[in-house]
Amino acid sequence: MDPQTLGARIQRIRQRQNFSVRDLAEKAGVNKNTILRLEKGLTPSYATLNRVCEALGVHVAQLTQPEPEEEQTIALHARAEEGREPLAADESVLLSALKCRLPGGRINAAIMELYGESESITHPGEELVFCLRGSARVTVAGRTYELGEGDAATFWSAERHSYGPAEDATEEQLPVILLMAWVDAREGETTRP
């Protein structure tokens, strides 16, 4: 098995168990840089690999087995499925979850259709927004930014933020459609530095 695949498998197991790099390093009795190098694909010593596997509760041989079932390594959202799962709706916003979250994964994704200004919110973590259609306004920490079709922004979502169509958007240009993805700090990620 190549070292990159080995490192990626170790990283996925660590993340599924909600261990930080530091947690795993302490439990395995190695330096955290050793874990980082291992996950990046550098060849470990036999002793190090055994310590890490023991800390994760897996046998070294398990890492050489074929990948787990597809459902555990990829989550798909097909447009032809039952459609998007509505999370919230009012006269200004339709927020639909994408059903593509990995078991034990930390990335959330949704599509937001904007007909007007959204409520201003905050939540722990990081957020990415990508403008799929139209022109949008993204307000973060009191400052407003314009996103055109194909533009994207990332920000610390603990900052108060809201979305809306561009000021000059006409009825024909609505809804503005945004793809959103976020990692929520309440699910094991660290918050803003």
N, C-alpha and C. Protein backbone atom coordinates (compact mmCIF):
# COMPACT_ATOMS: atom_id res chain seq x y z
N MET A 1 0.85 -1.18 0.00
CA MET A 1 0.00 0.00 0.00
C MET A 1 0.89 1.24 0.00
N ASP A 2 0.50 2.24 -0.79
CA ASP A 2 1.33 3.44 -0.84
C ASP A 2 1.11 4.28 0.43
N PRO A 3 2.13 5.04 0.85
CA PRO A 3 2.06 5.80 2.10
C PRO A 3 0.95 6.86 2.12
N GLN A 4 0.60 7.43 0.95
CA GLN A 4 -0.47 8.43 0.93
C GLN A 4 -1.82 7.80 1.29
N THR A 5 -2.08 6.62 0.76
CA THR A 5 -3.33 5.92 1.07
C THR A 5 -3.36 5.54 2.54
N LEU A 6 -2.26 5.05 3.05
CA LEU A 6 -2.16 4.70 4.46
C LEU A 6 -2.44 5.92 5.33
N GLY A 7 -1.81 7.03 5.00
CA GLY A 7 -2.01 8.27 5.76
C GLY A 7 -3.44 8.75 5.72
N ALA A 8 -4.06 8.67 4.54
CA ALA A 8 -5.45 9.11 4.40
C ALA A 8 -6.39 8.23 5.22
N ARG A 9 -6.13 6.94 5.24
CA ARG A 9 -6.98 6.03 6.03
C ARG A 9 -6.84 6.30 7.52
N ILE A 10 -5.62 6.53 7.96
CA ILE A 10 -5.41 6.85 9.37
C ILE A 10 -6.12 8.15 9.73
N GLN A 11 -6.02 9.14 8.86
CA GLN A 11 -6.68 10.42 9.12
C GLN A 11 -8.19 10.25 9.21
N ARG A 12 -8.79 9.47 8.30
CA ARG A 12 -10.25 9.26 8.34
C ARG A 12 -10.67 8.54 9.62
N ILE A 13 -9.89 7.54 10.03
CA ILE A 13 -10.22 6.83 11.27
C ILE A 13 -10.12 7.78 12.46
N ARG A 14 -9.07 8.60 12.48
CA ARG A 14 -8.90 9.58 13.57
C ARG A 14 -10.08 10.54 13.62
N GLN A 15 -10.49 11.05 12.46
CA GLN A 15 -11.59 12.01 12.41
C GLN A 15 -12.92 11.37 12.79
N ARG A 16 -13.15 10.13 12.35
CA ARG A 16 -14.40 9.43 12.72
C ARG A 16 -14.50 9.26 14.23
N GLN A 17 -13.34 9.10 14.88
CA GLN A 17 -13.33 8.92 16.33
C GLN A 17 -13.26 10.25 17.07
N ASN A 18 -13.34 11.35 16.32
CA ASN A 18 -13.31 12.71 16.89
C ASN A 18 -12.06 12.99 17.70
N PHE A 19 -10.92 12.44 17.25
CA PHE A 19 -9.64 12.75 17.86
C PHE A 19 -9.01 13.90 17.09
N SER A 20 -8.46 14.87 17.81
CA SER A 20 -7.63 15.87 17.16
C SER A 20 -6.26 15.22 16.93
N VAL A 21 -5.42 15.86 16.16
CA VAL A 21 -4.06 15.36 15.94
C VAL A 21 -3.35 15.26 17.28
N ARG A 22 -3.52 16.26 18.11
CA ARG A 22 -2.87 16.27 19.42
C ARG A 22 -3.38 15.14 20.30
N ASP A 23 -4.71 14.89 20.29
CA ASP A 23 -5.29 13.80 21.08
C ASP A 23 -4.67 12.46 20.69
N LEU A 24 -4.60 12.21 19.38
CA LEU A 24 -4.05 10.94 18.91
C LEU A 24 -2.57 10.83 19.27
N ALA A 25 -1.84 11.91 19.11
CA ALA A 25 -0.41 11.89 19.43
C ALA A 25 -0.20 11.54 20.91
N GLU A 26 -0.98 12.17 21.78
CA GLU A 26 -0.85 11.89 23.21
C GLU A 26 -1.20 10.44 23.52
N LYS A 27 -2.29 9.96 22.94
CA LYS A 27 -2.73 8.59 23.20
C LYS A 27 -1.72 7.57 22.66
N ALA A 28 -1.08 7.88 21.54
CA ALA A 28 -0.10 6.97 20.93
C ALA A 28 1.30 7.14 21.52
N GLY A 29 1.51 8.21 22.29
CA GLY A 29 2.83 8.45 22.86
C GLY A 29 3.85 8.91 21.84
N VAL A 30 3.38 9.69 20.84
CA VAL A 30 4.29 10.23 19.82
C VAL A 30 4.08 11.73 19.72
N ASN A 31 4.97 12.39 19.02
CA ASN A 31 4.88 13.82 18.79
C ASN A 31 3.75 14.11 17.80
N LYS A 32 3.06 15.24 17.95
CA LYS A 32 1.97 15.54 17.02
C LYS A 32 2.48 15.72 15.59
N ASN A 33 3.72 16.16 15.41
CA ASN A 33 4.29 16.28 14.06
C ASN A 33 4.44 14.91 13.41
N THR A 34 4.63 13.88 14.22
CA THR A 34 4.70 12.52 13.69
C THR A 34 3.37 12.14 13.07
N ILE A 35 2.27 12.49 13.74
CA ILE A 35 0.93 12.20 13.21
C ILE A 35 0.70 12.99 11.93
N LEU A 36 1.08 14.25 11.93
CA LEU A 36 0.91 15.08 10.73
C LEU A 36 1.69 14.51 9.55
N ARG A 37 2.94 14.10 9.80
CA ARG A 37 3.75 13.53 8.72
C ARG A 37 3.15 12.21 8.23
N LEU A 38 2.68 11.40 9.14
CA LEU A 38 2.07 10.13 8.79
C LEU A 38 0.83 10.35 7.91
N GLU A 39 -0.02 11.30 8.30
CA GLU A 39 -1.24 11.58 7.54
C GLU A 39 -0.94 12.21 6.19
N LYS A 40 0.20 12.87 6.06
CA LYS A 40 0.60 13.46 4.77
C LYS A 40 1.20 12.43 3.83
N GLY A 41 1.46 11.22 4.33
CA GLY A 41 1.95 10.18 3.46
C GLY A 41 3.42 9.85 3.59
N LEU A 42 4.06 10.32 4.64
CA LEU A 42 5.45 9.94 4.85
C LEU A 42 5.50 8.56 5.52
N THR A 43 6.41 7.72 5.11
CA THR A 43 6.49 6.35 5.61
C THR A 43 6.89 6.35 7.08
N PRO A 44 6.06 5.72 7.94
CA PRO A 44 6.37 5.68 9.37
C PRO A 44 7.26 4.49 9.70
N SER A 45 7.82 4.51 10.90
CA SER A 45 8.51 3.32 11.38
C SER A 45 7.45 2.31 11.80
N TYR A 46 7.85 1.05 11.88
CA TYR A 46 6.92 0.00 12.28
C TYR A 46 6.39 0.28 13.69
N ALA A 47 7.28 0.69 14.59
CA ALA A 47 6.87 0.96 15.98
C ALA A 47 5.86 2.10 16.03
N THR A 48 6.08 3.15 15.29
CA THR A 48 5.16 4.29 15.27
C THR A 48 3.80 3.87 14.73
N LEU A 49 3.81 3.16 13.62
CA LEU A 49 2.54 2.71 13.02
C LEU A 49 1.76 1.85 14.01
N ASN A 50 2.45 0.95 14.70
CA ASN A 50 1.77 0.11 15.69
C ASN A 50 1.19 0.92 16.84
N ARG A 51 1.94 1.90 17.31
CA ARG A 51 1.44 2.76 18.41
C ARG A 51 0.19 3.52 17.99
N VAL A 52 0.22 4.07 16.78
CA VAL A 52 -0.92 4.85 16.28
C VAL A 52 -2.13 3.94 16.10
N CYS A 53 -1.92 2.77 15.52
CA CYS A 53 -3.03 1.83 15.31
C CYS A 53 -3.62 1.38 16.64
N GLU A 54 -2.76 1.12 17.62
CA GLU A 54 -3.24 0.72 18.94
C GLU A 54 -4.07 1.84 19.57
N ALA A 55 -3.60 3.07 19.44
CA ALA A 55 -4.34 4.21 19.98
C ALA A 55 -5.71 4.38 19.30
N LEU A 56 -5.78 4.03 18.03
CA LEU A 56 -7.04 4.13 17.28
C LEU A 56 -7.92 2.89 17.46
N GLY A 57 -7.36 1.83 18.04
CA GLY A 57 -8.13 0.62 18.25
C GLY A 57 -8.31 -0.20 16.99
N VAL A 58 -7.35 -0.12 16.07
CA VAL A 58 -7.39 -0.92 14.84
C VAL A 58 -6.09 -1.69 14.71
N HIS A 59 -6.16 -2.80 14.03
CA HIS A 59 -4.95 -3.59 13.77
C HIS A 59 -4.31 -3.06 12.49
N VAL A 60 -3.00 -3.09 12.42
CA VAL A 60 -2.28 -2.61 11.25
C VAL A 60 -2.82 -3.26 9.98
N ALA A 61 -3.15 -4.53 10.06
CA ALA A 61 -3.64 -5.25 8.87
C ALA A 61 -4.95 -4.67 8.35
N GLN A 62 -5.76 -4.06 9.24
CA GLN A 62 -7.02 -3.46 8.79
C GLN A 62 -6.78 -2.33 7.80
N LEU A 63 -5.66 -1.65 7.94
CA LEU A 63 -5.36 -0.52 7.07
C LEU A 63 -5.05 -0.98 5.64
N THR A 64 -4.67 -2.23 5.49
CA THR A 64 -4.32 -2.73 4.15
C THR A 64 -5.51 -3.37 3.44
N GLN A 65 -6.62 -3.51 4.14
CA GLN A 65 -7.81 -4.09 3.53
C GLN A 65 -8.41 -3.10 2.53
N PRO A 66 -9.21 -3.61 1.59
CA PRO A 66 -9.88 -2.70 0.66
C PRO A 66 -10.70 -1.67 1.43
N GLU A 67 -10.94 -0.56 0.77
CA GLU A 67 -11.73 0.51 1.39
C GLU A 67 -13.05 -0.04 1.90
N PRO A 68 -13.60 0.56 2.95
CA PRO A 68 -14.91 0.14 3.44
C PRO A 68 -15.98 0.36 2.38
N GLU A 69 -17.16 -0.09 2.67
CA GLU A 69 -18.25 0.06 1.71
C GLU A 69 -18.36 1.51 1.25
N GLU A 70 -18.81 1.69 0.03
CA GLU A 70 -18.89 3.01 -0.58
C GLU A 70 -19.65 4.00 0.30
N GLU A 71 -20.70 3.55 0.97
CA GLU A 71 -21.51 4.45 1.80
C GLU A 71 -20.68 5.10 2.91
N GLN A 72 -19.58 4.47 3.29
CA GLN A 72 -18.76 5.02 4.35
C GLN A 72 -17.68 5.96 3.84
N THR A 73 -17.39 5.95 2.55
CA THR A 73 -16.32 6.79 2.03
C THR A 73 -16.83 7.94 1.17
N ILE A 74 -18.08 7.88 0.75
CA ILE A 74 -18.64 8.96 -0.06
C ILE A 74 -20.13 9.07 0.23
N ALA A 75 -20.62 10.28 0.24
CA ALA A 75 -22.05 10.53 0.40
C ALA A 75 -22.48 11.37 -0.79
N LEU A 76 -23.47 10.90 -1.52
CA LEU A 76 -23.92 11.57 -2.73
C LEU A 76 -25.30 12.18 -2.53
N HIS A 77 -25.53 13.26 -3.22
CA HIS A 77 -26.86 13.86 -3.29
C HIS A 77 -27.21 13.94 -4.77
N ALA A 78 -28.18 13.15 -5.18
CA ALA A 78 -28.58 13.15 -6.58
C ALA A 78 -29.80 14.04 -6.75
N ARG A 79 -29.75 14.90 -7.73
CA ARG A 79 -30.86 15.82 -7.98
C ARG A 79 -32.16 15.07 -8.23
N ALA A 80 -32.07 13.88 -8.84
CA ALA A 80 -33.27 13.11 -9.16
C ALA A 80 -33.91 12.46 -7.94
N GLU A 81 -33.20 12.47 -6.80
CA GLU A 81 -33.79 11.90 -5.59
C GLU A 81 -35.03 12.71 -5.23
N GLU A 82 -35.54 12.50 -4.07
CA GLU A 82 -36.78 13.13 -3.63
C GLU A 82 -36.69 14.65 -3.57
N GLY A 83 -35.65 15.20 -4.10
CA GLY A 83 -35.45 16.64 -4.02
C GLY A 83 -34.67 16.99 -2.78
N ARG A 84 -34.47 18.27 -2.60
CA ARG A 84 -33.75 18.71 -1.41
C ARG A 84 -34.68 18.67 -0.20
N GLU A 85 -34.07 18.48 0.93
CA GLU A 85 -34.82 18.42 2.18
C GLU A 85 -34.95 19.83 2.74
N PRO A 86 -36.17 20.42 2.71
CA PRO A 86 -36.32 21.79 3.22
C PRO A 86 -36.01 21.88 4.70
N LEU A 87 -35.17 22.83 5.05
CA LEU A 87 -34.85 23.07 6.46
C LEU A 87 -35.69 24.21 7.01
N ALA A 88 -35.84 25.25 6.19
CA ALA A 88 -36.58 26.43 6.62
C ALA A 88 -37.09 27.17 5.39
N ALA A 89 -38.22 27.83 5.56
CA ALA A 89 -38.78 28.60 4.44
C ALA A 89 -39.62 29.74 4.98
N ASP A 90 -39.53 30.88 4.34
CA ASP A 90 -40.42 32.00 4.57
C ASP A 90 -40.49 32.79 3.27
N GLU A 91 -41.03 33.99 3.28
CA GLU A 91 -41.18 34.74 2.03
C GLU A 91 -39.85 35.21 1.45
N SER A 92 -38.77 35.22 2.25
CA SER A 92 -37.48 35.70 1.78
C SER A 92 -36.48 34.60 1.43
N VAL A 93 -36.58 33.45 2.12
CA VAL A 93 -35.54 32.43 2.01
C VAL A 93 -36.14 31.03 1.99
N LEU A 94 -35.61 30.19 1.09
CA LEU A 94 -35.88 28.75 1.14
C LEU A 94 -34.53 28.09 1.33
N LEU A 95 -34.33 27.42 2.47
CA LEU A 95 -33.07 26.76 2.79
C LEU A 95 -33.30 25.26 2.73
N SER A 96 -32.54 24.59 1.86
CA SER A 96 -32.69 23.14 1.67
C SER A 96 -31.36 22.45 1.94
N ALA A 97 -31.39 21.41 2.77
CA ALA A 97 -30.18 20.64 3.07
C ALA A 97 -29.86 19.72 1.91
N LEU A 98 -28.59 19.55 1.64
CA LEU A 98 -28.15 18.55 0.68
C LEU A 98 -27.87 17.27 1.45
N LYS A 99 -28.40 16.17 0.97
CA LYS A 99 -28.28 14.89 1.68
C LYS A 99 -26.97 14.20 1.30
N CYS A 100 -25.86 14.85 1.59
CA CYS A 100 -24.57 14.27 1.19
C CYS A 100 -23.55 14.36 2.31
N ARG A 101 -23.99 14.19 3.54
CA ARG A 101 -23.07 14.23 4.67
C ARG A 101 -22.55 12.83 4.96
N LEU A 102 -21.23 12.72 5.14
CA LEU A 102 -20.62 11.44 5.46
C LEU A 102 -20.98 11.01 6.87
N PRO A 103 -21.11 9.70 7.10
CA PRO A 103 -21.33 9.23 8.47
C PRO A 103 -20.13 9.65 9.32
N GLY A 104 -20.38 10.40 10.36
CA GLY A 104 -19.29 10.89 11.21
C GLY A 104 -18.57 12.09 10.64
N GLY A 105 -18.98 12.56 9.45
CA GLY A 105 -18.34 13.72 8.83
C GLY A 105 -18.78 15.02 9.48
N ARG A 106 -18.08 16.10 9.17
CA ARG A 106 -18.36 17.39 9.81
C ARG A 106 -18.76 18.48 8.83
N ILE A 107 -18.85 18.15 7.54
CA ILE A 107 -19.22 19.18 6.56
C ILE A 107 -20.72 19.12 6.35
N ASN A 108 -21.36 20.27 6.49
CA ASN A 108 -22.79 20.43 6.22
C ASN A 108 -22.92 21.21 4.92
N ALA A 109 -23.94 20.92 4.14
CA ALA A 109 -24.14 21.65 2.88
C ALA A 109 -25.62 21.94 2.67
N ALA A 110 -25.89 23.06 2.03
CA ALA A 110 -27.28 23.45 1.77
C ALA A 110 -27.32 24.36 0.55
N ILE A 111 -28.51 24.46 -0.01
CA ILE A 111 -28.80 25.41 -1.08
C ILE A 111 -29.74 26.45 -0.50
N MET A 112 -29.43 27.72 -0.71
CA MET A 112 -30.28 28.80 -0.24
C MET A 112 -30.83 29.55 -1.44
N GLU A 113 -32.15 29.63 -1.53
CA GLU A 113 -32.82 30.42 -2.56
C GLU A 113 -33.28 31.71 -1.91
N LEU A 114 -32.78 32.84 -2.42
CA LEU A 114 -33.06 34.14 -1.83
C LEU A 114 -34.08 34.91 -2.65
N TYR A 115 -35.16 35.30 -2.00
CA TYR A 115 -36.18 36.17 -2.60
C TYR A 115 -36.15 37.54 -1.93
N GLY A 116 -35.47 37.62 -0.80
CA GLY A 116 -35.33 38.84 -0.02
C GLY A 116 -34.19 38.67 0.96
N GLU A 117 -34.09 39.58 1.92
CA GLU A 117 -33.02 39.56 2.91
C GLU A 117 -33.27 38.47 3.95
N SER A 118 -32.22 37.70 4.29
CA SER A 118 -32.34 36.68 5.33
C SER A 118 -32.17 37.32 6.70
N GLU A 119 -32.54 36.58 7.73
CA GLU A 119 -32.27 37.01 9.10
C GLU A 119 -30.76 36.98 9.33
N SER A 120 -30.30 37.79 10.24
CA SER A 120 -28.89 37.81 10.61
C SER A 120 -28.67 36.75 11.68
N ILE A 121 -27.67 35.88 11.49
CA ILE A 121 -27.42 34.78 12.43
C ILE A 121 -25.95 34.65 12.76
N THR A 122 -25.65 33.85 13.76
CA THR A 122 -24.29 33.45 14.09
C THR A 122 -24.33 31.98 14.49
N HIS A 123 -23.23 31.29 14.29
CA HIS A 123 -23.05 29.92 14.77
C HIS A 123 -21.57 29.62 14.75
N PRO A 124 -21.11 28.69 15.56
CA PRO A 124 -19.68 28.38 15.59
C PRO A 124 -19.20 27.81 14.25
N GLY A 125 -17.93 27.96 13.95
CA GLY A 125 -17.32 27.30 12.81
C GLY A 125 -16.93 28.22 11.68
N GLU A 126 -16.76 27.61 10.50
CA GLU A 126 -16.41 28.30 9.26
C GLU A 126 -17.51 28.06 8.25
N GLU A 127 -17.67 29.00 7.33
CA GLU A 127 -18.69 28.85 6.29
C GLU A 127 -18.14 29.27 4.94
N LEU A 128 -18.58 28.58 3.91
CA LEU A 128 -18.26 28.91 2.53
C LEU A 128 -19.58 29.14 1.82
N VAL A 129 -19.66 30.20 1.03
CA VAL A 129 -20.85 30.45 0.22
C VAL A 129 -20.39 30.67 -1.22
N PHE A 130 -21.09 30.02 -2.17
CA PHE A 130 -20.77 30.11 -3.59
C PHE A 130 -22.04 30.52 -4.31
N CYS A 131 -21.97 31.58 -5.10
CA CYS A 131 -23.14 32.08 -5.81
C CYS A 131 -23.33 31.29 -7.11
N LEU A 132 -24.38 30.48 -7.13
CA LEU A 132 -24.68 29.66 -8.30
C LEU A 132 -25.45 30.43 -9.37
N ARG A 133 -26.35 31.32 -8.94
CA ARG A 133 -27.18 32.05 -9.89
C ARG A 133 -27.51 33.42 -9.34
N GLY A 134 -27.39 34.43 -10.19
CA GLY A 134 -27.75 35.79 -9.81
C GLY A 134 -26.61 36.53 -9.14
N SER A 135 -26.98 37.59 -8.43
CA SER A 135 -26.03 38.40 -7.66
C SER A 135 -26.55 38.52 -6.25
N ALA A 136 -25.66 38.30 -5.28
CA ALA A 136 -26.07 38.29 -3.87
C ALA A 136 -25.27 39.31 -3.08
N ARG A 137 -25.87 39.68 -1.97
CA ARG A 137 -25.18 40.48 -0.95
C ARG A 137 -24.93 39.56 0.23
N VAL A 138 -23.70 39.56 0.73
CA VAL A 138 -23.35 38.81 1.93
C VAL A 138 -22.85 39.84 2.93
N THR A 139 -23.51 39.90 4.09
CA THR A 139 -23.10 40.84 5.12
C THR A 139 -22.49 40.04 6.26
N VAL A 140 -21.24 40.34 6.58
CA VAL A 140 -20.51 39.66 7.65
C VAL A 140 -19.91 40.71 8.55
N ALA A 141 -20.20 40.63 9.84
CA ALA A 141 -19.66 41.56 10.84
C ALA A 141 -19.94 43.01 10.44
N GLY A 142 -21.13 43.26 9.91
CA GLY A 142 -21.53 44.62 9.57
C GLY A 142 -21.05 45.14 8.23
N ARG A 143 -20.24 44.40 7.51
CA ARG A 143 -19.75 44.83 6.20
C ARG A 143 -20.42 44.00 5.12
N THR A 144 -20.84 44.65 4.05
CA THR A 144 -21.55 43.98 2.97
C THR A 144 -20.63 43.79 1.77
N TYR A 145 -20.73 42.58 1.18
CA TYR A 145 -19.91 42.21 0.03
C TYR A 145 -20.85 41.73 -1.06
N GLU A 146 -20.53 42.04 -2.30
CA GLU A 146 -21.31 41.60 -3.45
C GLU A 146 -20.70 40.33 -4.04
N LEU A 147 -21.51 39.35 -4.31
CA LEU A 147 -21.07 38.13 -4.98
C LEU A 147 -21.86 37.99 -6.27
N GLY A 148 -21.16 37.88 -7.39
CA GLY A 148 -21.80 37.61 -8.66
C GLY A 148 -21.78 36.11 -8.92
N GLU A 149 -22.45 35.71 -9.97
CA GLU A 149 -22.47 34.30 -10.34
C GLU A 149 -21.05 33.77 -10.47
N GLY A 150 -20.72 32.70 -9.77
CA GLY A 150 -19.39 32.11 -9.81
C GLY A 150 -18.45 32.63 -8.74
N ASP A 151 -18.86 33.65 -7.98
CA ASP A 151 -18.03 34.19 -6.90
C ASP A 151 -18.27 33.39 -5.62
N ALA A 152 -17.28 33.40 -4.74
CA ALA A 152 -17.39 32.67 -3.48
C ALA A 152 -16.77 33.49 -2.35
N ALA A 153 -17.14 33.17 -1.13
CA ALA A 153 -16.58 33.80 0.06
C ALA A 153 -16.53 32.77 1.18
N THR A 154 -15.53 32.90 2.03
CA THR A 154 -15.47 32.10 3.25
C THR A 154 -15.33 33.07 4.41
N PHE A 155 -15.87 32.68 5.56
CA PHE A 155 -15.79 33.55 6.73
C PHE A 155 -16.01 32.74 8.00
N TRP A 156 -15.63 33.34 9.13
CA TRP A 156 -15.88 32.73 10.43
C TRP A 156 -17.35 32.97 10.74
N SER A 157 -18.10 31.91 10.86
CA SER A 157 -19.55 32.05 11.01
C SER A 157 -19.98 32.45 12.41
N ALA A 158 -19.04 32.59 13.33
CA ALA A 158 -19.37 33.15 14.64
C ALA A 158 -19.62 34.65 14.51
N GLU A 159 -19.18 35.24 13.39
CA GLU A 159 -19.49 36.64 13.10
C GLU A 159 -20.93 36.71 12.60
N ARG A 160 -21.67 37.72 13.04
CA ARG A 160 -23.06 37.87 12.60
C ARG A 160 -23.07 38.02 11.09
N HIS A 161 -23.95 37.23 10.40
CA HIS A 161 -23.98 37.26 8.94
C HIS A 161 -25.40 37.08 8.42
N SER A 162 -25.61 37.62 7.20
CA SER A 162 -26.90 37.49 6.53
C SER A 162 -26.67 37.52 5.03
N TYR A 163 -27.72 37.16 4.29
CA TYR A 163 -27.67 37.09 2.84
C TYR A 163 -28.87 37.80 2.25
N GLY A 164 -28.70 38.25 1.01
CA GLY A 164 -29.82 38.86 0.30
C GLY A 164 -29.48 39.01 -1.17
N PRO A 165 -30.52 39.21 -1.99
CA PRO A 165 -30.24 39.49 -3.40
C PRO A 165 -29.53 40.83 -3.53
N ALA A 166 -28.85 41.06 -4.65
CA ALA A 166 -28.21 42.35 -4.90
C ALA A 166 -29.27 43.45 -4.84
N GLU A 167 -28.84 44.65 -4.47
CA GLU A 167 -29.76 45.78 -4.32
C GLU A 167 -30.64 46.00 -5.55
N ASP A 168 -30.04 45.85 -6.73
CA ASP A 168 -30.76 46.17 -7.97
C ASP A 168 -31.42 44.94 -8.61
N ALA A 169 -31.56 43.84 -7.87
CA ALA A 169 -32.15 42.62 -8.44
C ALA A 169 -33.63 42.84 -8.76
N THR A 170 -34.03 42.40 -9.94
CA THR A 170 -35.45 42.51 -10.35
C THR A 170 -36.15 41.18 -10.05
N GLU A 171 -37.48 41.19 -10.11
CA GLU A 171 -38.27 39.98 -9.89
C GLU A 171 -37.82 38.84 -10.80
N GLU A 172 -37.48 39.16 -12.05
CA GLU A 172 -37.07 38.15 -13.02
C GLU A 172 -35.74 37.51 -12.65
N GLN A 173 -34.92 38.21 -11.87
CA GLN A 173 -33.61 37.70 -11.48
C GLN A 173 -33.66 36.87 -10.19
N LEU A 174 -34.84 36.73 -9.63
CA LEU A 174 -35.00 35.96 -8.40
C LEU A 174 -35.50 34.56 -8.70
N PRO A 175 -35.19 33.59 -7.91
CA PRO A 175 -34.36 33.69 -6.72
C PRO A 175 -32.87 33.68 -7.05
N VAL A 176 -32.11 34.32 -6.18
CA VAL A 176 -30.66 34.18 -6.20
C VAL A 176 -30.38 32.84 -5.53
N ILE A 177 -29.49 32.04 -6.08
CA ILE A 177 -29.24 30.71 -5.51
C ILE A 177 -27.79 30.61 -5.04
N LEU A 178 -27.63 30.24 -3.78
CA LEU A 178 -26.32 30.10 -3.16
C LEU A 178 -26.10 28.65 -2.71
N LEU A 179 -24.90 28.15 -2.91
CA LEU A 179 -24.47 26.88 -2.33
C LEU A 179 -23.68 27.23 -1.08
N MET A 180 -24.04 26.60 0.03
CA MET A 180 -23.37 26.89 1.29
C MET A 180 -22.80 25.60 1.86
N ALA A 181 -21.63 25.70 2.45
CA ALA A 181 -21.03 24.57 3.16
C ALA A 181 -20.40 25.13 4.42
N TRP A 182 -20.54 24.39 5.51
CA TRP A 182 -19.97 24.86 6.75
C TRP A 182 -19.53 23.69 7.62
N VAL A 183 -18.51 23.98 8.42
CA VAL A 183 -18.01 23.06 9.42
C VAL A 183 -18.40 23.69 10.75
N ASP A 184 -19.18 22.97 11.52
CA ASP A 184 -19.71 23.50 12.77
C ASP A 184 -18.80 23.11 13.92
N ALA A 185 -18.31 24.09 14.66
CA ALA A 185 -17.39 23.84 15.78
C ALA A 185 -18.04 23.01 16.87
N ARG A 186 -19.34 22.99 16.94
CA ARG A 186 -20.00 22.18 17.98
C ARG A 186 -19.84 20.70 17.68
N GLU A 187 -19.38 20.37 16.48
CA GLU A 187 -19.23 18.97 16.09
C GLU A 187 -17.78 18.52 16.13
N GLY A 188 -16.96 19.14 16.96
CA GLY A 188 -15.60 18.65 17.15
C GLY A 188 -14.51 19.50 16.51
N GLU A 189 -14.86 20.51 15.73
CA GLU A 189 -13.84 21.36 15.13
C GLU A 189 -13.45 22.46 16.11
N THR A 190 -12.31 23.02 15.90
CA THR A 190 -11.89 24.14 16.73
C THR A 190 -12.53 25.41 16.19
N THR A 191 -12.71 26.39 17.06
CA THR A 191 -13.30 27.64 16.64
C THR A 191 -12.24 28.58 16.12
N ARG A 192 -12.67 29.74 15.72
CA ARG A 192 -11.78 30.75 15.15
C ARG A 192 -10.57 31.00 16.03
N PRO A 193 -9.38 31.08 15.40
CA PRO A 193 -8.18 31.31 16.19
C PRO A 193 -8.18 32.69 16.83
